[in-house]
Amino acid sequence: VIREALANATMHRSYHVNSPVQIIRYSNRIEVLNPGYSLKPVADLGTPGSRLRNPTIAAVLHDLHWAETKGSGIRVMRRLSTQAGLPPPEFSSAREQNEFKAT
């Protein structure tokens, strides 16, 4: 689940913002924050299809077998969480702050 969240953060972040992807570990959760709001509405995350902000990075992650280029990352995280007996991940996107968060 964490690897998939990091691959998504790397692939979908905004590289126009000079800010790092942040991984914050709490006692009961991990949050991955990346610059760049979601190009898809949060309600549509997990549906087939992906809107790529960084197609070259997506192609590299696909070649490394870290991504499928089908917009399946959210579905994979949800499936893996269920299989591991974890609560489903939560996602939020803030256009105003230009930030996406996976918890």
PDB file of N, CA and C in Angstrom:
ATOM      1  N   VAL A   1       0.837  -1.185   0.000  1.00  0.00           N
ATOM      2  CA  VAL A   1       0.000   0.000   0.000  1.00  0.00           C
ATOM      3  C   VAL A   1       0.883   1.250   0.000  1.00  0.00           C
ATOM      4  N   ILE A   2       1.918   1.243   0.814  1.00  0.00           N
ATOM      5  CA  ILE A   2       2.795   2.417   0.910  1.00  0.00           C
ATOM      6  C   ILE A   2       3.552   2.623  -0.398  1.00  0.00           C
ATOM      7  N   ARG A   3       4.052   1.549  -0.979  1.00  0.00           N
ATOM      8  CA  ARG A   3       4.775   1.664  -2.254  1.00  0.00           C
ATOM      9  C   ARG A   3       3.864   2.257  -3.322  1.00  0.00           C
ATOM     10  N   GLU A   4       2.628   1.809  -3.363  1.00  0.00           N
ATOM     11  CA  GLU A   4       1.674   2.318  -4.349  1.00  0.00           C
ATOM     12  C   GLU A   4       1.384   3.800  -4.107  1.00  0.00           C
ATOM     13  N   ALA A   5       1.246   4.193  -2.835  1.00  0.00           N
ATOM     14  CA  ALA A   5       1.006   5.604  -2.508  1.00  0.00           C
ATOM     15  C   ALA A   5       2.199   6.467  -2.939  1.00  0.00           C
ATOM     16  N   LEU A   6       3.409   5.954  -2.730  1.00  0.00           N
ATOM     17  CA  LEU A   6       4.598   6.705  -3.131  1.00  0.00           C
ATOM     18  C   LEU A   6       4.735   6.790  -4.646  1.00  0.00           C
ATOM     19  N   ALA A   7       4.418   5.700  -5.341  1.00  0.00           N
ATOM     20  CA  ALA A   7       4.445   5.731  -6.808  1.00  0.00           C
ATOM     21  C   ALA A   7       3.434   6.749  -7.327  1.00  0.00           C
ATOM     22  N   ASN A   8       2.234   6.755  -6.747  1.00  0.00           N
ATOM     23  CA  ASN A   8       1.213   7.725  -7.167  1.00  0.00           C
ATOM     24  C   ASN A   8       1.668   9.153  -6.893  1.00  0.00           C
ATOM     25  N   ALA A   9       2.260   9.380  -5.718  1.00  0.00           N
ATOM     26  CA  ALA A   9       2.724  10.724  -5.373  1.00  0.00           C
ATOM     27  C   ALA A   9       3.798  11.196  -6.343  1.00  0.00           C
ATOM     28  N   THR A  10       4.700  10.305  -6.713  1.00  0.00           N
ATOM     29  CA  THR A  10       5.773  10.642  -7.646  1.00  0.00           C
ATOM     30  C   THR A  10       5.218  10.920  -9.036  1.00  0.00           C
ATOM     31  N   MET A  11       4.280  10.094  -9.459  1.00  0.00           N
ATOM     32  CA  MET A  11       3.735  10.201 -10.810  1.00  0.00           C
ATOM     33  C   MET A  11       2.814  11.409 -10.983  1.00  0.00           C
ATOM     34  N   HIS A  12       2.000  11.689  -9.984  1.00  0.00           N
ATOM     35  CA  HIS A  12       0.942  12.680 -10.147  1.00  0.00           C
ATOM     36  C   HIS A  12       1.232  14.043  -9.513  1.00  0.00           C
ATOM     37  N   ARG A  13       2.351  14.200  -8.833  1.00  0.00           N
ATOM     38  CA  ARG A  13       2.650  15.469  -8.173  1.00  0.00           C
ATOM     39  C   ARG A  13       2.914  16.565  -9.196  1.00  0.00           C
ATOM     40  N   SER A  14       2.848  17.793  -8.739  1.00  0.00           N
ATOM     41  CA  SER A  14       3.195  18.936  -9.572  1.00  0.00           C
ATOM     42  C   SER A  14       4.672  19.244  -9.376  1.00  0.00           C
ATOM     43  N   TYR A  15       5.421  19.167 -10.447  1.00  0.00           N
ATOM     44  CA  TYR A  15       6.838  19.512 -10.376  1.00  0.00           C
ATOM     45  C   TYR A  15       7.066  21.003 -10.633  1.00  0.00           C
ATOM     46  N   HIS A  16       5.987  21.754 -10.807  1.00  0.00           N
ATOM     47  CA  HIS A  16       6.084  23.208 -10.926  1.00  0.00           C
ATOM     48  C   HIS A  16       6.196  23.856  -9.552  1.00  0.00           C
ATOM     49  N   VAL A  17       5.950  23.079  -8.520  1.00  0.00           N
ATOM     50  CA  VAL A  17       6.026  23.565  -7.143  1.00  0.00           C
ATOM     51  C   VAL A  17       7.317  23.025  -6.533  1.00  0.00           C
ATOM     52  N   ASN A  18       8.127  23.899  -5.983  1.00  0.00           N
ATOM     53  CA  ASN A  18       9.391  23.487  -5.391  1.00  0.00           C
ATOM     54  C   ASN A  18       9.159  23.063  -3.939  1.00  0.00           C
ATOM     55  N   SER A  19       8.538  21.897  -3.799  1.00  0.00           N
ATOM     56  CA  SER A  19       8.218  21.352  -2.478  1.00  0.00           C
ATOM     57  C   SER A  19       8.299  19.835  -2.574  1.00  0.00           C
ATOM     58  N   PRO A  20       8.797  19.172  -1.536  1.00  0.00           N
ATOM     59  CA  PRO A  20       8.949  17.715  -1.615  1.00  0.00           C
ATOM     60  C   PRO A  20       7.648  16.976  -1.318  1.00  0.00           C
ATOM     61  N   VAL A  21       7.611  15.723  -1.744  1.00  0.00           N
ATOM     62  CA  VAL A  21       6.577  14.812  -1.256  1.00  0.00           C
ATOM     63  C   VAL A  21       6.906  14.575   0.208  1.00  0.00           C
ATOM     64  N   GLN A  22       5.914  14.645   1.060  1.00  0.00           N
ATOM     65  CA  GLN A  22       6.130  14.443   2.495  1.00  0.00           C
ATOM     66  C   GLN A  22       5.488  13.130   2.929  1.00  0.00           C
ATOM     67  N   ILE A  23       6.206  12.374   3.722  1.00  0.00           N
ATOM     68  CA  ILE A  23       5.693  11.140   4.311  1.00  0.00           C
ATOM     69  C   ILE A  23       5.710  11.356   5.814  1.00  0.00           C
ATOM     70  N   ILE A  24       4.535  11.364   6.402  1.00  0.00           N
ATOM     71  CA  ILE A  24       4.419  11.646   7.835  1.00  0.00           C
ATOM     72  C   ILE A  24       3.878  10.400   8.518  1.00  0.00           C
ATOM     73  N   ARG A  25       4.650   9.902   9.475  1.00  0.00           N
ATOM     74  CA  ARG A  25       4.268   8.679  10.194  1.00  0.00           C
ATOM     75  C   ARG A  25       3.714   9.037  11.565  1.00  0.00           C
ATOM     76  N   TYR A  26       2.504   8.614  11.799  1.00  0.00           N
ATOM     77  CA  TYR A  26       1.861   8.768  13.104  1.00  0.00           C
ATOM     78  C   TYR A  26       1.745   7.379  13.725  1.00  0.00           C
ATOM     79  N   SER A  27       1.313   7.313  14.975  1.00  0.00           N
ATOM     80  CA  SER A  27       1.194   6.013  15.637  1.00  0.00           C
ATOM     81  C   SER A  27       0.074   5.163  15.032  1.00  0.00           C
ATOM     82  N   ASN A  28      -0.891   5.793  14.371  1.00  0.00           N
ATOM     83  CA  ASN A  28      -2.038   5.035  13.849  1.00  0.00           C
ATOM     84  C   ASN A  28      -2.263   5.187  12.347  1.00  0.00           C
ATOM     85  N   ARG A  29      -1.372   5.887  11.643  1.00  0.00           N
ATOM     86  CA  ARG A  29      -1.555   6.076  10.214  1.00  0.00           C
ATOM     87  C   ARG A  29      -0.283   6.646   9.588  1.00  0.00           C
ATOM     88  N   ILE A  30      -0.245   6.606   8.277  1.00  0.00           N
ATOM     89  CA  ILE A  30       0.809   7.259   7.498  1.00  0.00           C
ATOM     90  C   ILE A  30       0.115   8.182   6.511  1.00  0.00           C
ATOM     91  N   GLU A  31       0.614   9.402   6.394  1.00  0.00           N
ATOM     92  CA  GLU A  31       0.079  10.356   5.433  1.00  0.00           C
ATOM     93  C   GLU A  31       1.148  10.652   4.387  1.00  0.00           C
ATOM     94  N   VAL A  32       0.741  10.618   3.133  1.00  0.00           N
ATOM     95  CA  VAL A  32       1.615  11.004   2.028  1.00  0.00           C
ATOM     96  C   VAL A  32       1.005  12.252   1.411  1.00  0.00           C
ATOM     97  N   LEU A  33       1.755  13.348   1.500  1.00  0.00           N
ATOM     98  CA  LEU A  33       1.307  14.641   0.964  1.00  0.00           C
ATOM     99  C   LEU A  33       2.162  14.984  -0.237  1.00  0.00           C
ATOM    100  N   ASN A  34       1.511  15.341  -1.313  1.00  0.00           N
ATOM    101  CA  ASN A  34       2.299  15.767  -2.454  1.00  0.00           C
ATOM    102  C   ASN A  34       1.756  17.053  -3.051  1.00  0.00           C
ATOM    103  N   PRO A  35       2.674  17.873  -3.583  1.00  0.00           N
ATOM    104  CA  PRO A  35       2.257  19.104  -4.228  1.00  0.00           C
ATOM    105  C   PRO A  35       1.461  18.776  -5.480  1.00  0.00           C
ATOM    106  N   GLY A  36       0.394  19.487  -5.683  1.00  0.00           N
ATOM    107  CA  GLY A  36      -0.438  19.283  -6.859  1.00  0.00           C
ATOM    108  C   GLY A  36      -1.750  18.622  -6.490  1.00  0.00           C
ATOM    109  N   TYR A  37      -2.839  19.304  -6.724  1.00  0.00           N
ATOM    110  CA  TYR A  37      -4.166  18.742  -6.466  1.00  0.00           C
ATOM    111  C   TYR A  37      -4.470  17.659  -7.495  1.00  0.00           C
ATOM    112  N   SER A  38      -5.448  16.826  -7.200  1.00  0.00           N
ATOM    113  CA  SER A  38      -5.841  15.756  -8.106  1.00  0.00           C
ATOM    114  C   SER A  38      -6.506  16.343  -9.347  1.00  0.00           C
ATOM    115  N   LEU A  39      -6.135  15.830 -10.499  1.00  0.00           N
ATOM    116  CA  LEU A  39      -6.764  16.260 -11.742  1.00  0.00           C
ATOM    117  C   LEU A  39      -8.130  15.609 -11.925  1.00  0.00           C
ATOM    118  N   LYS A  40      -8.415  14.571 -11.146  1.00  0.00           N
ATOM    119  CA  LYS A  40      -9.736  13.939 -11.144  1.00  0.00           C
ATOM    120  C   LYS A  40     -10.445  14.337  -9.857  1.00  0.00           C
ATOM    121  N   PRO A  41     -11.770  14.465  -9.891  1.00  0.00           N
ATOM    122  CA  PRO A  41     -12.478  14.706  -8.633  1.00  0.00           C
ATOM    123  C   PRO A  41     -12.230  13.556  -7.651  1.00  0.00           C
ATOM    124  N   VAL A  42     -12.128  13.856  -6.375  1.00  0.00           N
ATOM    125  CA  VAL A  42     -11.851  12.832  -5.366  1.00  0.00           C
ATOM    126  C   VAL A  42     -12.886  11.711  -5.439  1.00  0.00           C
ATOM    127  N   ALA A  43     -14.132  12.049  -5.722  1.00  0.00           N
ATOM    128  CA  ALA A  43     -15.186  11.039  -5.819  1.00  0.00           C
ATOM    129  C   ALA A  43     -14.929  10.055  -6.966  1.00  0.00           C
ATOM    130  N   ASP A  44     -14.157  10.458  -7.966  1.00  0.00           N
ATOM    131  CA  ASP A  44     -13.878   9.591  -9.115  1.00  0.00           C
ATOM    132  C   ASP A  44     -12.578   8.806  -8.971  1.00  0.00           C
ATOM    133  N   LEU A  45     -11.827   9.038  -7.898  1.00  0.00           N
ATOM    134  CA  LEU A  45     -10.575   8.306  -7.706  1.00  0.00           C
ATOM    135  C   LEU A  45     -10.884   6.822  -7.575  1.00  0.00           C
ATOM    136  N   GLY A  46     -10.137   6.020  -8.291  1.00  0.00           N
ATOM    137  CA  GLY A  46     -10.358   4.581  -8.288  1.00  0.00           C
ATOM    138  C   GLY A  46     -11.149   4.109  -9.494  1.00  0.00           C
ATOM    139  N   THR A  47     -11.727   5.038 -10.245  1.00  0.00           N
ATOM    140  CA  THR A  47     -12.410   4.646 -11.478  1.00  0.00           C
ATOM    141  C   THR A  47     -11.364   4.511 -12.580  1.00  0.00           C
ATOM    142  N   PRO A  48     -11.634   3.679 -13.570  1.00  0.00           N
ATOM    143  CA  PRO A  48     -10.644   3.482 -14.638  1.00  0.00           C
ATOM    144  C   PRO A  48     -10.280   4.786 -15.337  1.00  0.00           C
ATOM    145  N   GLY A  49      -9.052   4.832 -15.766  1.00  0.00           N
ATOM    146  CA  GLY A  49      -8.545   5.990 -16.477  1.00  0.00           C
ATOM    147  C   GLY A  49      -7.763   6.901 -15.566  1.00  0.00           C
ATOM    148  N   SER A  50      -6.736   7.501 -16.121  1.00  0.00           N
ATOM    149  CA  SER A  50      -5.875   8.372 -15.343  1.00  0.00           C
ATOM    150  C   SER A  50      -5.640   9.642 -16.136  1.00  0.00           C
ATOM    151  N   ARG A  51      -5.608  10.760 -15.445  1.00  0.00           N
ATOM    152  CA  ARG A  51      -5.236  12.028 -16.063  1.00  0.00           C
ATOM    153  C   ARG A  51      -3.801  12.302 -15.651  1.00  0.00           C
ATOM    154  N   LEU A  52      -2.899  12.166 -16.596  1.00  0.00           N
ATOM    155  CA  LEU A  52      -1.477  12.254 -16.284  1.00  0.00           C
ATOM    156  C   LEU A  52      -0.967  13.684 -16.322  1.00  0.00           C
ATOM    157  N   ARG A  53      -0.332  14.066 -15.252  1.00  0.00           N
ATOM    158  CA  ARG A  53       0.343  15.362 -15.181  1.00  0.00           C
ATOM    159  C   ARG A  53       1.781  15.199 -15.690  1.00  0.00           C
ATOM    160  N   ASN A  54       2.351  14.012 -15.502  1.00  0.00           N
ATOM    161  CA  ASN A  54       3.758  13.741 -15.830  1.00  0.00           C
ATOM    162  C   ASN A  54       3.876  12.441 -16.630  1.00  0.00           C
ATOM    163  N   PRO A  55       3.555  12.460 -17.925  1.00  0.00           N
ATOM    164  CA  PRO A  55       3.554  11.220 -18.700  1.00  0.00           C
ATOM    165  C   PRO A  55       4.919  10.539 -18.805  1.00  0.00           C
ATOM    166  N   THR A  56       6.000  11.299 -18.809  1.00  0.00           N
ATOM    167  CA  THR A  56       7.330  10.683 -18.895  1.00  0.00           C
ATOM    168  C   THR A  56       7.639   9.908 -17.618  1.00  0.00           C
ATOM    169  N   ILE A  57       7.330  10.489 -16.465  1.00  0.00           N
ATOM    170  CA  ILE A  57       7.547   9.786 -15.198  1.00  0.00           C
ATOM    171  C   ILE A  57       6.640   8.571 -15.115  1.00  0.00           C
ATOM    172  N   ALA A  58       5.412   8.705 -15.583  1.00  0.00           N
ATOM    173  CA  ALA A  58       4.488   7.566 -15.603  1.00  0.00           C
ATOM    174  C   ALA A  58       5.050   6.434 -16.450  1.00  0.00           C
ATOM    175  N   ALA A  59       5.653   6.758 -17.590  1.00  0.00           N
ATOM    176  CA  ALA A  59       6.233   5.734 -18.461  1.00  0.00           C
ATOM    177  C   ALA A  59       7.402   5.027 -17.782  1.00  0.00           C
ATOM    178  N   VAL A  60       8.238   5.779 -17.073  1.00  0.00           N
ATOM    179  CA  VAL A  60       9.369   5.167 -16.355  1.00  0.00           C
ATOM    180  C   VAL A  60       8.854   4.235 -15.259  1.00  0.00           C
ATOM    181  N   LEU A  61       7.873   4.692 -14.476  1.00  0.00           N
ATOM    182  CA  LEU A  61       7.320   3.845 -13.414  1.00  0.00           C
ATOM    183  C   LEU A  61       6.646   2.610 -13.999  1.00  0.00           C
ATOM    184  N   HIS A  62       6.041   2.754 -15.166  1.00  0.00           N
ATOM    185  CA  HIS A  62       5.459   1.590 -15.846  1.00  0.00           C
ATOM    186  C   HIS A  62       6.563   0.606 -16.247  1.00  0.00           C
ATOM    187  N   ASP A  63       7.648   1.113 -16.821  1.00  0.00           N
ATOM    188  CA  ASP A  63       8.776   0.246 -17.217  1.00  0.00           C
ATOM    189  C   ASP A  63       9.398  -0.464 -16.026  1.00  0.00           C
ATOM    190  N   LEU A  64       9.367   0.175 -14.850  1.00  0.00           N
ATOM    191  CA  LEU A  64       9.903  -0.432 -13.627  1.00  0.00           C
ATOM    192  C   LEU A  64       8.893  -1.359 -12.942  1.00  0.00           C
ATOM    193  N   HIS A  65       7.708  -1.474 -13.542  1.00  0.00           N
ATOM    194  CA  HIS A  65       6.606  -2.283 -12.984  1.00  0.00           C
ATOM    195  C   HIS A  65       6.121  -1.734 -11.649  1.00  0.00           C
ATOM    196  N   TRP A  66       6.197  -0.413 -11.491  1.00  0.00           N
ATOM    197  CA  TRP A  66       5.677   0.259 -10.294  1.00  0.00           C
ATOM    198  C   TRP A  66       4.324   0.891 -10.576  1.00  0.00           C
ATOM    199  N   ALA A  67       3.906   0.907 -11.840  1.00  0.00           N
ATOM    200  CA  ALA A  67       2.620   1.490 -12.220  1.00  0.00           C
ATOM    201  C   ALA A  67       2.128   0.780 -13.473  1.00  0.00           C
ATOM    202  N   GLU A  68       0.806   0.810 -13.655  1.00  0.00           N
ATOM    203  CA  GLU A  68       0.211   0.129 -14.806  1.00  0.00           C
ATOM    204  C   GLU A  68      -0.228   1.068 -15.915  1.00  0.00           C
ATOM    205  N   THR A  69      -0.224   2.345 -15.697  1.00  0.00           N
ATOM    206  CA  THR A  69      -0.698   3.361 -16.639  1.00  0.00           C
ATOM    207  C   THR A  69      -2.179   3.194 -16.990  1.00  0.00           C
ATOM    208  N   LYS A  70      -2.960   2.690 -16.066  1.00  0.00           N
ATOM    209  CA  LYS A  70      -4.390   2.517 -16.289  1.00  0.00           C
ATOM    210  C   LYS A  70      -5.222   3.285 -15.270  1.00  0.00           C
ATOM    211  N   GLY A  71      -4.577   4.029 -14.401  1.00  0.00           N
ATOM    212  CA  GLY A  71      -5.315   4.697 -13.347  1.00  0.00           C
ATOM    213  C   GLY A  71      -5.770   3.740 -12.274  1.00  0.00           C
ATOM    214  N   SER A  72      -5.000   2.684 -12.053  1.00  0.00           N
ATOM    215  CA  SER A  72      -5.410   1.628 -11.119  1.00  0.00           C
ATOM    216  C   SER A  72      -4.791   1.760  -9.734  1.00  0.00           C
ATOM    217  N   GLY A  73      -3.958   2.767  -9.498  1.00  0.00           N
ATOM    218  CA  GLY A  73      -3.245   2.875  -8.226  1.00  0.00           C
ATOM    219  C   GLY A  73      -4.152   2.947  -7.011  1.00  0.00           C
ATOM    220  N   ILE A  74      -5.211   3.726  -7.087  1.00  0.00           N
ATOM    221  CA  ILE A  74      -6.136   3.860  -5.955  1.00  0.00           C
ATOM    222  C   ILE A  74      -6.840   2.531  -5.705  1.00  0.00           C
ATOM    223  N   ARG A  75      -7.286   1.868  -6.769  1.00  0.00           N
ATOM    224  CA  ARG A  75      -7.943   0.560  -6.604  1.00  0.00           C
ATOM    225  C   ARG A  75      -6.988  -0.442  -5.969  1.00  0.00           C
ATOM    226  N   VAL A  76      -5.725  -0.428  -6.388  1.00  0.00           N
ATOM    227  CA  VAL A  76      -4.729  -1.337  -5.822  1.00  0.00           C
ATOM    228  C   VAL A  76      -4.544  -1.054  -4.337  1.00  0.00           C
ATOM    229  N   MET A  77      -4.431   0.221  -3.951  1.00  0.00           N
ATOM    230  CA  MET A  77      -4.262   0.559  -2.534  1.00  0.00           C
ATOM    231  C   MET A  77      -5.466   0.096  -1.716  1.00  0.00           C
ATOM    232  N   ARG A  78      -6.663   0.265  -2.252  1.00  0.00           N
ATOM    233  CA  ARG A  78      -7.858  -0.177  -1.533  1.00  0.00           C
ATOM    234  C   ARG A  78      -7.877  -1.697  -1.383  1.00  0.00           C
ATOM    235  N   ARG A  79      -7.536  -2.403  -2.456  1.00  0.00           N
ATOM    236  CA  ARG A  79      -7.527  -3.873  -2.409  1.00  0.00           C
ATOM    237  C   ARG A  79      -6.474  -4.384  -1.430  1.00  0.00           C
ATOM    238  N   LEU A  80      -5.272  -3.842  -1.494  1.00  0.00           N
ATOM    239  CA  LEU A  80      -4.202  -4.294  -0.606  1.00  0.00           C
ATOM    240  C   LEU A  80      -4.516  -3.992   0.857  1.00  0.00           C
ATOM    241  N   SER A  81      -5.140  -2.856   1.118  1.00  0.00           N
ATOM    242  CA  SER A  81      -5.527  -2.519   2.496  1.00  0.00           C
ATOM    243  C   SER A  81      -6.525  -3.537   3.029  1.00  0.00           C
ATOM    244  N   THR A  82      -7.514  -3.867   2.219  1.00  0.00           N
ATOM    245  CA  THR A  82      -8.517  -4.858   2.623  1.00  0.00           C
ATOM    246  C   THR A  82      -7.859  -6.206   2.890  1.00  0.00           C
ATOM    247  N   GLN A  83      -6.973  -6.636   1.992  1.00  0.00           N
ATOM    248  CA  GLN A  83      -6.287  -7.920   2.160  1.00  0.00           C
ATOM    249  C   GLN A  83      -5.436  -7.955   3.418  1.00  0.00           C
ATOM    250  N   ALA A  84      -4.884  -6.819   3.813  1.00  0.00           N
ATOM    251  CA  ALA A  84      -4.033  -6.748   5.002  1.00  0.00           C
ATOM    252  C   ALA A  84      -4.835  -6.506   6.280  1.00  0.00           C
ATOM    253  N   GLY A  85      -6.164  -6.383   6.150  1.00  0.00           N
ATOM    254  CA  GLY A  85      -6.997  -6.139   7.321  1.00  0.00           C
ATOM    255  C   GLY A  85      -6.894  -4.713   7.835  1.00  0.00           C
ATOM    256  N   LEU A  86      -6.494  -3.796   6.969  1.00  0.00           N
ATOM    257  CA  LEU A  86      -6.353  -2.387   7.338  1.00  0.00           C
ATOM    258  C   LEU A  86      -7.587  -1.609   6.900  1.00  0.00           C
ATOM    259  N   PRO A  87      -7.857  -0.476   7.529  1.00  0.00           N
ATOM    260  CA  PRO A  87      -8.951   0.358   7.037  1.00  0.00           C
ATOM    261  C   PRO A  87      -8.612   0.878   5.644  1.00  0.00           C
ATOM    262  N   PRO A  88      -9.619   1.189   4.857  1.00  0.00           N
ATOM    263  CA  PRO A  88      -9.333   1.688   3.507  1.00  0.00           C
ATOM    264  C   PRO A  88      -8.632   3.045   3.565  1.00  0.00           C
ATOM    265  N   PRO A  89      -7.794   3.323   2.583  1.00  0.00           N
ATOM    266  CA  PRO A  89      -7.120   4.617   2.560  1.00  0.00           C
ATOM    267  C   PRO A  89      -8.126   5.735   2.306  1.00  0.00           C
ATOM    268  N   GLU A  90      -7.775   6.910   2.787  1.00  0.00           N
ATOM    269  CA  GLU A  90      -8.590   8.100   2.557  1.00  0.00           C
ATOM    270  C   GLU A  90      -7.783   9.069   1.700  1.00  0.00           C
ATOM    271  N   PHE A  91      -8.488   9.801   0.850  1.00  0.00           N
ATOM    272  CA  PHE A  91      -7.826  10.725  -0.066  1.00  0.00           C
ATOM    273  C   PHE A  91      -8.506  12.081   0.012  1.00  0.00           C
ATOM    274  N   SER A  92      -7.696  13.132  -0.061  1.00  0.00           N
ATOM    275  CA  SER A  92      -8.245  14.480  -0.133  1.00  0.00           C
ATOM    276  C   SER A  92      -7.389  15.289  -1.096  1.00  0.00           C
ATOM    277  N   SER A  93      -8.046  16.230  -1.727  1.00  0.00           N
ATOM    278  CA  SER A  93      -7.375  17.081  -2.696  1.00  0.00           C
ATOM    279  C   SER A  93      -7.829  18.512  -2.459  1.00  0.00           C
ATOM    280  N   ALA A  94      -6.877  19.426  -2.373  1.00  0.00           N
ATOM    281  CA  ALA A  94      -7.194  20.831  -2.141  1.00  0.00           C
ATOM    282  C   ALA A  94      -6.579  21.667  -3.251  1.00  0.00           C
ATOM    283  N   ARG A  95      -7.416  22.127  -4.136  1.00  0.00           N
ATOM    284  CA  ARG A  95      -6.943  22.952  -5.253  1.00  0.00           C
ATOM    285  C   ARG A  95      -6.333  24.256  -4.740  1.00  0.00           C
ATOM    286  N   GLU A  96      -6.973  24.853  -3.704  1.00  0.00           N
ATOM    287  CA  GLU A  96      -6.491  26.128  -3.171  1.00  0.00           C
ATOM    288  C   GLU A  96      -5.072  26.016  -2.619  1.00  0.00           C
ATOM    289  N   GLN A  97      -4.792  24.908  -1.917  1.00  0.00           N
ATOM    290  CA  GLN A  97      -3.455  24.696  -1.352  1.00  0.00           C
ATOM    291  C   GLN A  97      -2.540  23.953  -2.326  1.00  0.00           C
ATOM    292  N   ASN A  98      -3.103  23.524  -3.465  1.00  0.00           N
ATOM    293  CA  ASN A  98      -2.364  22.778  -4.478  1.00  0.00           C
ATOM    294  C   ASN A  98      -1.691  21.551  -3.847  1.00  0.00           C
ATOM    295  N   GLU A  99      -2.522  20.738  -3.150  1.00  0.00           N
ATOM    296  CA  GLU A  99      -1.997  19.605  -2.385  1.00  0.00           C
ATOM    297  C   GLU A  99      -2.949  18.423  -2.468  1.00  0.00           C
ATOM    298  N   PHE A 100      -2.355  17.241  -2.481  1.00  0.00           N
ATOM    299  CA  PHE A 100      -3.105  15.990  -2.438  1.00  0.00           C
ATOM    300  C   PHE A 100      -2.599  15.188  -1.252  1.00  0.00           C
ATOM    301  N   LYS A 101      -3.521  14.525  -0.550  1.00  0.00           N
ATOM    302  CA  LYS A 101      -3.118  13.736   0.619  1.00  0.00           C
ATOM    303  C   LYS A 101      -3.744  12.356   0.563  1.00  0.00           C
ATOM    304  N   ALA A 102      -2.910  11.351   0.788  1.00  0.00           N
ATOM    305  CA  ALA A 102      -3.360   9.968   0.953  1.00  0.00           C
ATOM    306  C   ALA A 102      -3.059   9.570   2.382  1.00  0.00           C
ATOM    307  N   THR A 103      -4.067   9.063   3.094  1.00  0.00           N
ATOM    308  CA  THR A 103      -3.896   8.634   4.482  1.00  0.00           C
ATOM    309  C   THR A 103      -4.187   7.153   4.578  1.00  0.00           C
TER     310      THR A 103
END
